[in-house]
Amino acid sequence: MANPLCHWELMVNDVPRAKRFYSAIFGWQYADGSPEYTMIDTGAPPGGGLMQKPRGAPMPALNTYFQVDSIDKTSRVVVEAGGTMIVPKAEVPGGWFAMFLDPDGIAVGIFENKPAKEKS
């Protein structure tokens, strides 16, 4: 399986300001998925997300997520290859995600789709 970019998100200091800014620049539309997370419709896939920077995060960031067949398997390979898992596997609508740091400290997200029979 290829591992395409499947989702991205902005962690920002001020969500309303970011919405205004990116809407003015790119014309993005927003759908609040929860009080903590806003989905971004750019007009073409992949879609994105917008969230308040968590207190423990060192700075605002652009996160990317790549699709994988198995988060469990990919997490094992990350550690074996010298990376560090920083967000363990967690369920989200449509599947599961996790995040790791590569050997240079770059944060990378991975996403595993739920099987079609579980999505309903």
PDB file of N, CA and C in Angstrom:
ATOM      1  N   MET A   1       0.835  -1.178   0.000  1.00  0.00           N
ATOM      2  CA  MET A   1       0.000   0.000   0.000  1.00  0.00           C
ATOM      3  C   MET A   1       0.880   1.241   0.000  1.00  0.00           C
ATOM      4  N   ALA A   2       0.475   2.222  -0.741  1.00  0.00           N
ATOM      5  CA  ALA A   2       1.117   3.523  -0.688  1.00  0.00           C
ATOM      6  C   ALA A   2       0.737   4.194   0.631  1.00  0.00           C
ATOM      7  N   ASN A   3       1.506   5.159   1.038  1.00  0.00           N
ATOM      8  CA  ASN A   3       1.223   5.877   2.280  1.00  0.00           C
ATOM      9  C   ASN A   3       1.021   7.352   1.970  1.00  0.00           C
ATOM     10  N   PRO A   4      -0.157   7.675   1.368  1.00  0.00           N
ATOM     11  CA  PRO A   4      -0.400   9.057   0.954  1.00  0.00           C
ATOM     12  C   PRO A   4      -0.679   9.981   2.132  1.00  0.00           C
ATOM     13  N   LEU A   5      -0.422  11.253   1.909  1.00  0.00           N
ATOM     14  CA  LEU A   5      -0.846  12.268   2.863  1.00  0.00           C
ATOM     15  C   LEU A   5      -2.365  12.185   2.925  1.00  0.00           C
ATOM     16  N   CYS A   6      -2.935  12.012   4.124  1.00  0.00           N
ATOM     17  CA  CYS A   6      -4.383  11.836   4.215  1.00  0.00           C
ATOM     18  C   CYS A   6      -5.061  12.897   5.068  1.00  0.00           C
ATOM     19  N   HIS A   7      -4.309  13.659   5.847  1.00  0.00           N
ATOM     20  CA  HIS A   7      -4.897  14.696   6.698  1.00  0.00           C
ATOM     21  C   HIS A   7      -3.773  15.596   7.176  1.00  0.00           C
ATOM     22  N   TRP A   8      -4.111  16.822   7.466  1.00  0.00           N
ATOM     23  CA  TRP A   8      -3.158  17.777   8.039  1.00  0.00           C
ATOM     24  C   TRP A   8      -3.927  18.652   9.013  1.00  0.00           C
ATOM     25  N   GLU A   9      -3.204  19.275   9.941  1.00  0.00           N
ATOM     26  CA  GLU A   9      -3.878  20.143  10.898  1.00  0.00           C
ATOM     27  C   GLU A   9      -2.950  21.264  11.339  1.00  0.00           C
ATOM     28  N   LEU A  10      -3.566  22.364  11.677  1.00  0.00           N
ATOM     29  CA  LEU A  10      -2.865  23.508  12.227  1.00  0.00           C
ATOM     30  C   LEU A  10      -3.148  23.582  13.725  1.00  0.00           C
ATOM     31  N   MET A  11      -2.087  23.642  14.537  1.00  0.00           N
ATOM     32  CA  MET A  11      -2.218  23.917  15.967  1.00  0.00           C
ATOM     33  C   MET A  11      -1.842  25.387  16.136  1.00  0.00           C
ATOM     34  N   VAL A  12      -2.793  26.199  16.584  1.00  0.00           N
ATOM     35  CA  VAL A  12      -2.599  27.652  16.615  1.00  0.00           C
ATOM     36  C   VAL A  12      -2.832  28.226  18.007  1.00  0.00           C
ATOM     37  N   ASN A  13      -2.378  29.458  18.201  1.00  0.00           N
ATOM     38  CA  ASN A  13      -2.589  30.160  19.473  1.00  0.00           C
ATOM     39  C   ASN A  13      -3.992  30.741  19.587  1.00  0.00           C
ATOM     40  N   ASP A  14      -4.594  31.104  18.457  1.00  0.00           N
ATOM     41  CA  ASP A  14      -5.883  31.800  18.468  1.00  0.00           C
ATOM     42  C   ASP A  14      -6.743  31.261  17.322  1.00  0.00           C
ATOM     43  N   VAL A  15      -7.656  30.346  17.633  1.00  0.00           N
ATOM     44  CA  VAL A  15      -8.468  29.680  16.601  1.00  0.00           C
ATOM     45  C   VAL A  15      -9.322  30.664  15.805  1.00  0.00           C
ATOM     46  N   PRO A  16     -10.087  31.575  16.440  1.00  0.00           N
ATOM     47  CA  PRO A  16     -10.889  32.511  15.640  1.00  0.00           C
ATOM     48  C   PRO A  16     -10.026  33.368  14.695  1.00  0.00           C
ATOM     49  N   ARG A  17      -8.872  33.815  15.167  1.00  0.00           N
ATOM     50  CA  ARG A  17      -7.986  34.608  14.316  1.00  0.00           C
ATOM     51  C   ARG A  17      -7.492  33.779  13.132  1.00  0.00           C
ATOM     52  N   ALA A  18      -7.124  32.511  13.382  1.00  0.00           N
ATOM     53  CA  ALA A  18      -6.651  31.643  12.297  1.00  0.00           C
ATOM     54  C   ALA A  18      -7.756  31.393  11.281  1.00  0.00           C
ATOM     55  N   LYS A  19      -8.991  31.185  11.755  1.00  0.00           N
ATOM     56  CA  LYS A  19     -10.110  30.984  10.829  1.00  0.00           C
ATOM     57  C   LYS A  19     -10.272  32.197   9.917  1.00  0.00           C
ATOM     58  N   ARG A  20     -10.249  33.375  10.500  1.00  0.00           N
ATOM     59  CA  ARG A  20     -10.391  34.602   9.696  1.00  0.00           C
ATOM     60  C   ARG A  20      -9.232  34.727   8.698  1.00  0.00           C
ATOM     61  N   PHE A  21      -8.032  34.495   9.146  1.00  0.00           N
ATOM     62  CA  PHE A  21      -6.847  34.643   8.309  1.00  0.00           C
ATOM     63  C   PHE A  21      -6.897  33.692   7.110  1.00  0.00           C
ATOM     64  N   TYR A  22      -7.063  32.396   7.375  1.00  0.00           N
ATOM     65  CA  TYR A  22      -7.021  31.418   6.285  1.00  0.00           C
ATOM     66  C   TYR A  22      -8.247  31.501   5.381  1.00  0.00           C
ATOM     67  N   SER A  23      -9.368  31.909   5.933  1.00  0.00           N
ATOM     68  CA  SER A  23     -10.547  32.126   5.097  1.00  0.00           C
ATOM     69  C   SER A  23     -10.295  33.284   4.133  1.00  0.00           C
ATOM     70  N   ALA A  24      -9.685  34.362   4.629  1.00  0.00           N
ATOM     71  CA  ALA A  24      -9.376  35.513   3.772  1.00  0.00           C
ATOM     72  C   ALA A  24      -8.352  35.145   2.698  1.00  0.00           C
ATOM     73  N   ILE A  25      -7.356  34.362   3.056  1.00  0.00           N
ATOM     74  CA  ILE A  25      -6.289  34.008   2.113  1.00  0.00           C
ATOM     75  C   ILE A  25      -6.763  32.973   1.094  1.00  0.00           C
ATOM     76  N   PHE A  26      -7.349  31.878   1.578  1.00  0.00           N
ATOM     77  CA  PHE A  26      -7.657  30.729   0.726  1.00  0.00           C
ATOM     78  C   PHE A  26      -9.141  30.465   0.514  1.00  0.00           C
ATOM     79  N   GLY A  27     -10.019  31.162   1.231  1.00  0.00           N
ATOM     80  CA  GLY A  27     -11.449  30.905   1.101  1.00  0.00           C
ATOM     81  C   GLY A  27     -11.893  29.611   1.752  1.00  0.00           C
ATOM     82  N   TRP A  28     -11.141  29.105   2.720  1.00  0.00           N
ATOM     83  CA  TRP A  28     -11.489  27.853   3.378  1.00  0.00           C
ATOM     84  C   TRP A  28     -12.824  27.964   4.092  1.00  0.00           C
ATOM     85  N   GLN A  29     -13.536  26.825   4.141  1.00  0.00           N
ATOM     86  CA  GLN A  29     -14.787  26.696   4.881  1.00  0.00           C
ATOM     87  C   GLN A  29     -14.516  25.817   6.100  1.00  0.00           C
ATOM     88  N   TYR A  30     -15.275  26.034   7.171  1.00  0.00           N
ATOM     89  CA  TYR A  30     -15.032  25.322   8.418  1.00  0.00           C
ATOM     90  C   TYR A  30     -16.287  24.616   8.906  1.00  0.00           C
ATOM     91  N   ALA A  31     -16.084  23.463   9.546  1.00  0.00           N
ATOM     92  CA  ALA A  31     -17.169  22.720  10.191  1.00  0.00           C
ATOM     93  C   ALA A  31     -16.655  22.293  11.559  1.00  0.00           C
ATOM     94  N   ASP A  32     -17.260  22.818  12.603  1.00  0.00           N
ATOM     95  CA  ASP A  32     -16.813  22.458  13.944  1.00  0.00           C
ATOM     96  C   ASP A  32     -17.174  21.013  14.230  1.00  0.00           C
ATOM     97  N   GLY A  33     -16.146  20.157  14.349  1.00  0.00           N
ATOM     98  CA  GLY A  33     -16.362  18.749  14.650  1.00  0.00           C
ATOM     99  C   GLY A  33     -16.628  18.531  16.127  1.00  0.00           C
ATOM    100  N   SER A  34     -16.018  19.354  16.953  1.00  0.00           N
ATOM    101  CA  SER A  34     -16.200  19.313  18.406  1.00  0.00           C
ATOM    102  C   SER A  34     -15.748  20.667  18.936  1.00  0.00           C
ATOM    103  N   PRO A  35     -15.974  20.934  20.219  1.00  0.00           N
ATOM    104  CA  PRO A  35     -15.496  22.223  20.747  1.00  0.00           C
ATOM    105  C   PRO A  35     -13.972  22.383  20.631  1.00  0.00           C
ATOM    106  N   GLU A  36     -13.261  21.273  20.568  1.00  0.00           N
ATOM    107  CA  GLU A  36     -11.803  21.321  20.531  1.00  0.00           C
ATOM    108  C   GLU A  36     -11.213  21.230  19.126  1.00  0.00           C
ATOM    109  N   TYR A  37     -12.025  20.883  18.126  1.00  0.00           N
ATOM    110  CA  TYR A  37     -11.462  20.595  16.809  1.00  0.00           C
ATOM    111  C   TYR A  37     -12.392  21.083  15.706  1.00  0.00           C
ATOM    112  N   THR A  38     -11.843  21.787  14.743  1.00  0.00           N
ATOM    113  CA  THR A  38     -12.594  22.304  13.602  1.00  0.00           C
ATOM    114  C   THR A  38     -12.065  21.647  12.337  1.00  0.00           C
ATOM    115  N   MET A  39     -12.952  21.085  11.538  1.00  0.00           N
ATOM    116  CA  MET A  39     -12.546  20.504  10.256  1.00  0.00           C
ATOM    117  C   MET A  39     -12.449  21.624   9.223  1.00  0.00           C
ATOM    118  N   ILE A  40     -11.453  21.520   8.334  1.00  0.00           N
ATOM    119  CA  ILE A  40     -11.232  22.505   7.281  1.00  0.00           C
ATOM    120  C   ILE A  40     -11.533  21.866   5.935  1.00  0.00           C
ATOM    121  N   ASP A  41     -12.380  22.528   5.148  1.00  0.00           N
ATOM    122  CA  ASP A  41     -12.673  22.118   3.777  1.00  0.00           C
ATOM    123  C   ASP A  41     -11.964  23.100   2.857  1.00  0.00           C
ATOM    124  N   THR A  42     -10.927  22.619   2.195  1.00  0.00           N
ATOM    125  CA  THR A  42     -10.155  23.481   1.295  1.00  0.00           C
ATOM    126  C   THR A  42     -10.723  23.480  -0.116  1.00  0.00           C
ATOM    127  N   GLY A  43     -11.723  22.632  -0.361  1.00  0.00           N
ATOM    128  CA  GLY A  43     -12.293  22.509  -1.692  1.00  0.00           C
ATOM    129  C   GLY A  43     -11.787  21.295  -2.448  1.00  0.00           C
ATOM    130  N   ALA A  44     -10.739  20.636  -1.917  1.00  0.00           N
ATOM    131  CA  ALA A  44     -10.181  19.429  -2.538  1.00  0.00           C
ATOM    132  C   ALA A  44      -9.463  18.622  -1.459  1.00  0.00           C
ATOM    133  N   PRO A  45      -9.475  17.295  -1.582  1.00  0.00           N
ATOM    134  CA  PRO A  45      -8.794  16.474  -0.581  1.00  0.00           C
ATOM    135  C   PRO A  45      -7.272  16.661  -0.650  1.00  0.00           C
ATOM    136  N   PRO A  46      -6.536  16.368   0.420  1.00  0.00           N
ATOM    137  CA  PRO A  46      -7.084  15.957   1.704  1.00  0.00           C
ATOM    138  C   PRO A  46      -7.543  17.154   2.518  1.00  0.00           C
ATOM    139  N   GLY A  47      -8.531  16.919   3.345  1.00  0.00           N
ATOM    140  CA  GLY A  47      -9.014  17.968   4.219  1.00  0.00           C
ATOM    141  C   GLY A  47      -8.070  18.179   5.385  1.00  0.00           C
ATOM    142  N   GLY A  48      -8.366  19.198   6.171  1.00  0.00           N
ATOM    143  CA  GLY A  48      -7.502  19.513   7.297  1.00  0.00           C
ATOM    144  C   GLY A  48      -8.285  19.749   8.563  1.00  0.00           C
ATOM    145  N   GLY A  49      -7.558  20.109   9.600  1.00  0.00           N
ATOM    146  CA  GLY A  49      -8.151  20.406  10.884  1.00  0.00           C
ATOM    147  C   GLY A  49      -7.468  21.603  11.512  1.00  0.00           C
ATOM    148  N   LEU A  50      -8.164  22.220  12.450  1.00  0.00           N
ATOM    149  CA  LEU A  50      -7.673  23.403  13.144  1.00  0.00           C
ATOM    150  C   LEU A  50      -7.955  23.227  14.623  1.00  0.00           C
ATOM    151  N   MET A  51      -6.940  23.447  15.451  1.00  0.00           N
ATOM    152  CA  MET A  51      -7.123  23.268  16.887  1.00  0.00           C
ATOM    153  C   MET A  51      -6.268  24.249  17.673  1.00  0.00           C
ATOM    154  N   GLN A  52      -6.693  24.511  18.886  1.00  0.00           N
ATOM    155  CA  GLN A  52      -5.915  25.311  19.826  1.00  0.00           C
ATOM    156  C   GLN A  52      -4.648  24.541  20.171  1.00  0.00           C
ATOM    157  N   LYS A  53      -3.516  25.210  20.182  1.00  0.00           N
ATOM    158  CA  LYS A  53      -2.255  24.574  20.561  1.00  0.00           C
ATOM    159  C   LYS A  53      -2.372  24.076  21.992  1.00  0.00           C
ATOM    160  N   PRO A  54      -2.119  22.787  22.215  1.00  0.00           N
ATOM    161  CA  PRO A  54      -2.174  22.275  23.589  1.00  0.00           C
ATOM    162  C   PRO A  54      -1.131  22.961  24.473  1.00  0.00           C
ATOM    163  N   ARG A  55      -1.446  23.083  25.731  1.00  0.00           N
ATOM    164  CA  ARG A  55      -0.566  23.767  26.683  1.00  0.00           C
ATOM    165  C   ARG A  55       0.860  23.221  26.647  1.00  0.00           C
ATOM    166  N   GLY A  56       1.036  21.929  26.531  1.00  0.00           N
ATOM    167  CA  GLY A  56       2.375  21.329  26.558  1.00  0.00           C
ATOM    168  C   GLY A  56       3.138  21.404  25.246  1.00  0.00           C
ATOM    169  N   ALA A  57       2.476  21.778  24.167  1.00  0.00           N
ATOM    170  CA  ALA A  57       3.166  21.858  22.873  1.00  0.00           C
ATOM    171  C   ALA A  57       4.095  23.066  22.862  1.00  0.00           C
ATOM    172  N   PRO A  58       5.306  22.905  22.341  1.00  0.00           N
ATOM    173  CA  PRO A  58       6.268  23.998  22.419  1.00  0.00           C
ATOM    174  C   PRO A  58       5.935  25.213  21.564  1.00  0.00           C
ATOM    175  N   MET A  59       5.229  25.018  20.457  1.00  0.00           N
ATOM    176  CA  MET A  59       4.915  26.138  19.576  1.00  0.00           C
ATOM    177  C   MET A  59       3.786  25.754  18.629  1.00  0.00           C
ATOM    178  N   PRO A  60       3.146  26.733  17.988  1.00  0.00           N
ATOM    179  CA  PRO A  60       2.171  26.405  16.954  1.00  0.00           C
ATOM    180  C   PRO A  60       2.853  25.552  15.876  1.00  0.00           C
ATOM    181  N   ALA A  61       2.065  24.745  15.175  1.00  0.00           N
ATOM    182  CA  ALA A  61       2.675  23.825  14.213  1.00  0.00           C
ATOM    183  C   ALA A  61       1.690  23.417  13.130  1.00  0.00           C
ATOM    184  N   LEU A  62       2.233  22.938  12.038  1.00  0.00           N
ATOM    185  CA  LEU A  62       1.470  22.276  10.983  1.00  0.00           C
ATOM    186  C   LEU A  62       1.802  20.797  11.089  1.00  0.00           C
ATOM    187  N   ASN A  63       0.806  19.972  11.385  1.00  0.00           N
ATOM    188  CA  ASN A  63       0.996  18.530  11.498  1.00  0.00           C
ATOM    189  C   ASN A  63       0.505  17.842  10.233  1.00  0.00           C
ATOM    190  N   THR A  64       1.210  16.796   9.834  1.00  0.00           N
ATOM    191  CA  THR A  64       0.793  16.002   8.676  1.00  0.00           C
ATOM    192  C   THR A  64       0.555  14.559   9.116  1.00  0.00           C
ATOM    193  N   TYR A  65      -0.387  13.920   8.439  1.00  0.00           N
ATOM    194  CA  TYR A  65      -0.735  12.532   8.740  1.00  0.00           C
ATOM    195  C   TYR A  65      -0.659  11.713   7.457  1.00  0.00           C
ATOM    196  N   PHE A  66       0.017  10.570   7.542  1.00  0.00           N
ATOM    197  CA  PHE A  66       0.131   9.670   6.412  1.00  0.00           C
ATOM    198  C   PHE A  66      -0.639   8.404   6.714  1.00  0.00           C
ATOM    199  N   GLN A  67      -1.324   7.885   5.697  1.00  0.00           N
ATOM    200  CA  GLN A  67      -2.140   6.689   5.860  1.00  0.00           C
ATOM    201  C   GLN A  67      -1.250   5.453   5.913  1.00  0.00           C
ATOM    202  N   VAL A  68      -1.569   4.549   6.836  1.00  0.00           N
ATOM    203  CA  VAL A  68      -0.845   3.284   6.982  1.00  0.00           C
ATOM    204  C   VAL A  68      -1.853   2.149   7.086  1.00  0.00           C
ATOM    205  N   ASP A  69      -1.398   0.929   6.812  1.00  0.00           N
ATOM    206  CA  ASP A  69      -2.265  -0.243   6.950  1.00  0.00           C
ATOM    207  C   ASP A  69      -2.509  -0.592   8.416  1.00  0.00           C
ATOM    208  N   SER A  70      -1.476  -0.412   9.250  1.00  0.00           N
ATOM    209  CA  SER A  70      -1.579  -0.791  10.658  1.00  0.00           C
ATOM    210  C   SER A  70      -0.762   0.180  11.517  1.00  0.00           C
ATOM    211  N   ILE A  71      -1.440   0.867  12.406  1.00  0.00           N
ATOM    212  CA  ILE A  71      -0.722   1.763  13.324  1.00  0.00           C
ATOM    213  C   ILE A  71       0.159   0.949  14.265  1.00  0.00           C
ATOM    214  N   ASP A  72      -0.335  -0.197  14.724  1.00  0.00           N
ATOM    215  CA  ASP A  72       0.461  -1.011  15.639  1.00  0.00           C
ATOM    216  C   ASP A  72       1.778  -1.433  14.987  1.00  0.00           C
ATOM    217  N   LYS A  73       1.702  -1.949  13.779  1.00  0.00           N
ATOM    218  CA  LYS A  73       2.909  -2.388  13.071  1.00  0.00           C
ATOM    219  C   LYS A  73       3.825  -1.200  12.775  1.00  0.00           C
ATOM    220  N   THR A  74       3.250  -0.111  12.277  1.00  0.00           N
ATOM    221  CA  THR A  74       4.056   1.061  11.946  1.00  0.00           C
ATOM    222  C   THR A  74       4.727   1.621  13.188  1.00  0.00           C
ATOM    223  N   SER A  75       4.041   1.637  14.320  1.00  0.00           N
ATOM    224  CA  SER A  75       4.632   2.134  15.571  1.00  0.00           C
ATOM    225  C   SER A  75       5.841   1.299  15.970  1.00  0.00           C
ATOM    226  N   ARG A  76       5.738  -0.022  15.824  1.00  0.00           N
ATOM    227  CA  ARG A  76       6.880  -0.896  16.142  1.00  0.00           C
ATOM    228  C   ARG A  76       8.068  -0.581  15.235  1.00  0.00           C
ATOM    229  N   VAL A  77       7.801  -0.385  13.944  1.00  0.00           N
ATOM    230  CA  VAL A  77       8.870  -0.087  12.992  1.00  0.00           C
ATOM    231  C   VAL A  77       9.500   1.273  13.301  1.00  0.00           C
ATOM    232  N   VAL A  78       8.683   2.258  13.678  1.00  0.00           N
ATOM    233  CA  VAL A  78       9.203   3.579  14.043  1.00  0.00           C
ATOM    234  C   VAL A  78      10.249   3.442  15.152  1.00  0.00           C
ATOM    235  N   VAL A  79       9.900   2.730  16.216  1.00  0.00           N
ATOM    236  CA  VAL A  79      10.804   2.571  17.358  1.00  0.00           C
ATOM    237  C   VAL A  79      12.052   1.793  16.940  1.00  0.00           C
ATOM    238  N   GLU A  80      11.876   0.716  16.177  1.00  0.00           N
ATOM    239  CA  GLU A  80      13.020  -0.083  15.714  1.00  0.00           C
ATOM    240  C   GLU A  80      13.963   0.745  14.840  1.00  0.00           C
ATOM    241  N   ALA A  81      13.418   1.703  14.097  1.00  0.00           N
ATOM    242  CA  ALA A  81      14.225   2.515  13.185  1.00  0.00           C
ATOM    243  C   ALA A  81      14.836   3.740  13.874  1.00  0.00           C
ATOM    244  N   GLY A  82      14.552   3.929  15.171  1.00  0.00           N
ATOM    245  CA  GLY A  82      15.163   5.033  15.904  1.00  0.00           C
ATOM    246  C   GLY A  82      14.263   6.208  16.180  1.00  0.00           C
ATOM    247  N   GLY A  83      12.957   6.086  15.886  1.00  0.00           N
ATOM    248  CA  GLY A  83      12.005   7.151  16.189  1.00  0.00           C
ATOM    249  C   GLY A  83      11.415   6.973  17.575  1.00  0.00           C
ATOM    250  N   THR A  84      10.584   7.931  17.972  1.00  0.00           N
ATOM    251  CA  THR A  84       9.951   7.918  19.286  1.00  0.00           C
ATOM    252  C   THR A  84       8.465   8.180  19.133  1.00  0.00           C
ATOM    253  N   MET A  85       7.645   7.288  19.654  1.00  0.00           N
ATOM    254  CA  MET A  85       6.203   7.506  19.638  1.00  0.00           C
ATOM    255  C   MET A  85       5.880   8.579  20.683  1.00  0.00           C
ATOM    256  N   ILE A  86       5.120   9.626  20.274  1.00  0.00           N
ATOM    257  CA  ILE A  86       4.784  10.701  21.210  1.00  0.00           C
ATOM    258  C   ILE A  86       3.290  10.781  21.506  1.00  0.00           C
ATOM    259  N   VAL A  87       2.455  10.262  20.601  1.00  0.00           N
ATOM    260  CA  VAL A  87       1.013  10.164  20.847  1.00  0.00           C
ATOM    261  C   VAL A  87       0.633   8.725  20.535  1.00  0.00           C
ATOM    262  N   PRO A  88       0.184   7.969  21.533  1.00  0.00           N
ATOM    263  CA  PRO A  88      -0.175   6.579  21.280  1.00  0.00           C
ATOM    264  C   PRO A  88      -1.435   6.476  20.425  1.00  0.00           C
ATOM    265  N   LYS A  89      -1.652   5.312  19.901  1.00  0.00           N
ATOM    266  CA  LYS A  89      -2.831   5.034  19.074  1.00  0.00           C
ATOM    267  C   LYS A  89      -4.095   5.473  19.804  1.00  0.00           C
ATOM    268  N   ALA A  90      -4.905   6.271  19.110  1.00  0.00           N
ATOM    269  CA  ALA A  90      -6.162   6.759  19.674  1.00  0.00           C
ATOM    270  C   ALA A  90      -7.237   6.710  18.605  1.00  0.00           C
ATOM    271  N   GLU A  91      -8.453   6.363  18.999  1.00  0.00           N
ATOM    272  CA  GLU A  91      -9.562   6.282  18.053  1.00  0.00           C
ATOM    273  C   GLU A  91     -10.120   7.667  17.773  1.00  0.00           C
ATOM    274  N   VAL A  92     -10.399   7.917  16.499  1.00  0.00           N
ATOM    275  CA  VAL A  92     -11.055   9.140  16.032  1.00  0.00           C
ATOM    276  C   VAL A  92     -12.100   8.707  15.015  1.00  0.00           C
ATOM    277  N   PRO A  93     -13.017   9.594  14.641  1.00  0.00           N
ATOM    278  CA  PRO A  93     -14.002   9.187  13.623  1.00  0.00           C
ATOM    279  C   PRO A  93     -13.306   8.656  12.364  1.00  0.00           C
ATOM    280  N   GLY A  94     -13.699   7.475  11.950  1.00  0.00           N
ATOM    281  CA  GLY A  94     -13.159   6.876  10.730  1.00  0.00           C
ATOM    282  C   GLY A  94     -11.921   6.029  10.908  1.00  0.00           C
ATOM    283  N   GLY A  95     -11.351   5.995  12.113  1.00  0.00           N
ATOM    284  CA  GLY A  95     -10.148   5.181  12.289  1.00  0.00           C
ATOM    285  C   GLY A  95      -9.372   5.499  13.546  1.00  0.00           C
ATOM    286  N   TRP A  96      -8.048   5.393  13.443  1.00  0.00           N
ATOM    287  CA  TRP A  96      -7.148   5.629  14.564  1.00  0.00           C
ATOM    288  C   TRP A  96      -5.984   6.482  14.081  1.00  0.00           C
ATOM    289  N   PHE A  97      -5.388   7.231  15.015  1.00  0.00           N
ATOM    290  CA  PHE A  97      -4.195   7.990  14.668  1.00  0.00           C
ATOM    291  C   PHE A  97      -3.166   7.839  15.781  1.00  0.00           C
ATOM    292  N   ALA A  98      -1.922   8.184  15.462  1.00  0.00           N
ATOM    293  CA  ALA A  98      -0.828   8.245  16.424  1.00  0.00           C
ATOM    294  C   ALA A  98       0.190   9.227  15.847  1.00  0.00           C
ATOM    295  N   MET A  99       1.134   9.638  16.677  1.00  0.00           N
ATOM    296  CA  MET A  99       2.188  10.539  16.198  1.00  0.00           C
ATOM    297  C   MET A  99       3.533  10.072  16.736  1.00  0.00           C
ATOM    298  N   PHE A 100       4.577  10.332  15.935  1.00  0.00           N
ATOM    299  CA  PHE A 100       5.929  10.004  16.355  1.00  0.00           C
ATOM    300  C   PHE A 100       6.881  11.133  15.989  1.00  0.00           C
ATOM    301  N   LEU A 101       8.072  11.092  16.620  1.00  0.00           N
ATOM    302  CA  LEU A 101       9.165  11.979  16.243  1.00  0.00           C
ATOM    303  C   LEU A 101      10.167  11.167  15.458  1.00  0.00           C
ATOM    304  N   ASP A 102      10.620  11.712  14.331  1.00  0.00           N
ATOM    305  CA  ASP A 102      11.688  11.038  13.594  1.00  0.00           C
ATOM    306  C   ASP A 102      13.006  11.316  14.323  1.00  0.00           C
ATOM    307  N   PRO A 103      14.132  10.724  13.878  1.00  0.00           N
ATOM    308  CA  PRO A 103      15.400  10.933  14.581  1.00  0.00           C
ATOM    309  C   PRO A 103      15.844  12.396  14.670  1.00  0.00           C
ATOM    310  N   ASP A 104      15.327  13.270  13.809  1.00  0.00           N
ATOM    311  CA  ASP A 104      15.659  14.690  13.884  1.00  0.00           C
ATOM    312  C   ASP A 104      14.674  15.484  14.733  1.00  0.00           C
ATOM    313  N   GLY A 105      13.662  14.817  15.293  1.00  0.00           N
ATOM    314  CA  GLY A 105      12.693  15.503  16.147  1.00  0.00           C
ATOM    315  C   GLY A 105      11.494  16.063  15.397  1.00  0.00           C
ATOM    316  N   ILE A 106      11.308  15.681  14.146  1.00  0.00           N
ATOM    317  CA  ILE A 106      10.155  16.148  13.364  1.00  0.00           C
ATOM    318  C   ILE A 106       8.946  15.286  13.711  1.00  0.00           C
ATOM    319  N   ALA A 107       7.840  15.942  14.076  1.00  0.00           N
ATOM    320  CA  ALA A 107       6.608  15.221  14.401  1.00  0.00           C
ATOM    321  C   ALA A 107       5.903  14.786  13.120  1.00  0.00           C
ATOM    322  N   VAL A 108       5.487  13.525  13.091  1.00  0.00           N
ATOM    323  CA  VAL A 108       4.790  12.952  11.939  1.00  0.00           C
ATOM    324  C   VAL A 108       3.594  12.163  12.460  1.00  0.00           C
ATOM    325  N   GLY A 109       2.439  12.341  11.821  1.00  0.00           N
ATOM    326  CA  GLY A 109       1.247  11.606  12.205  1.00  0.00           C
ATOM    327  C   GLY A 109       0.991  10.441  11.262  1.00  0.00           C
ATOM    328  N   ILE A 110       0.359   9.414  11.801  1.00  0.00           N
ATOM    329  CA  ILE A 110      -0.068   8.270  10.993  1.00  0.00           C
ATOM    330  C   ILE A 110      -1.545   8.014  11.267  1.00  0.00           C
ATOM    331  N   PHE A 111      -2.238   7.523  10.254  1.00  0.00           N
ATOM    332  CA  PHE A 111      -3.683   7.289  10.352  1.00  0.00           C
ATOM    333  C   PHE A 111      -4.017   5.946   9.728  1.00  0.00           C
ATOM    334  N   GLU A 112      -4.834   5.167  10.423  1.00  0.00           N
ATOM    335  CA  GLU A 112      -5.316   3.871   9.946  1.00  0.00           C
ATOM    336  C   GLU A 112      -6.828   3.949   9.819  1.00  0.00           C
ATOM    337  N   ASN A 113      -7.342   3.684   8.629  1.00  0.00           N
ATOM    338  CA  ASN A 113      -8.790   3.673   8.412  1.00  0.00           C
ATOM    339  C   ASN A 113      -9.439   2.492   9.114  1.00  0.00           C
ATOM    340  N   LYS A 114     -10.656   2.700   9.603  1.00  0.00           N
ATOM    341  CA  LYS A 114     -11.459   1.582  10.090  1.00  0.00           C
ATOM    342  C   LYS A 114     -11.914   0.783   8.882  1.00  0.00           C
ATOM    343  N   PRO A 115     -12.048  -0.530   9.028  1.00  0.00           N
ATOM    344  CA  PRO A 115     -12.631  -1.315   7.942  1.00  0.00           C
ATOM    345  C   PRO A 115     -14.039  -0.796   7.628  1.00  0.00           C
ATOM    346  N   ALA A 116     -14.447  -0.896   6.393  1.00  0.00           N
ATOM    347  CA  ALA A 116     -15.740  -0.356   5.934  1.00  0.00           C
ATOM    348  C   ALA A 116     -16.898  -0.840   6.800  1.00  0.00           C
ATOM    349  N   LYS A 117     -16.893  -2.095   7.232  1.00  0.00           N
ATOM    350  CA  LYS A 117     -18.005  -2.630   8.029  1.00  0.00           C
ATOM    351  C   LYS A 117     -18.091  -1.975   9.406  1.00  0.00           C
ATOM    352  N   GLU A 118     -16.994  -1.362   9.931  1.00  0.00           N
ATOM    353  CA  GLU A 118     -17.004  -0.713  11.236  1.00  0.00           C
ATOM    354  C   GLU A 118     -17.352   0.768  11.151  1.00  0.00           C
ATOM    355  N   LYS A 119     -17.382   1.351   9.967  1.00  0.00           N
ATOM    356  CA  LYS A 119     -17.565   2.788   9.827  1.00  0.00           C
ATOM    357  C   LYS A 119     -19.000   3.243  10.053  1.00  0.00           C
ATOM    358  N   SER A 120     -19.955   2.360   9.991  1.00  0.00           N
ATOM    359  CA  SER A 120     -21.352   2.784  10.108  1.00  0.00           C
ATOM    360  C   SER A 120     -21.762   3.153  11.483  1.00  0.00           C
TER     361      SER A 120
END
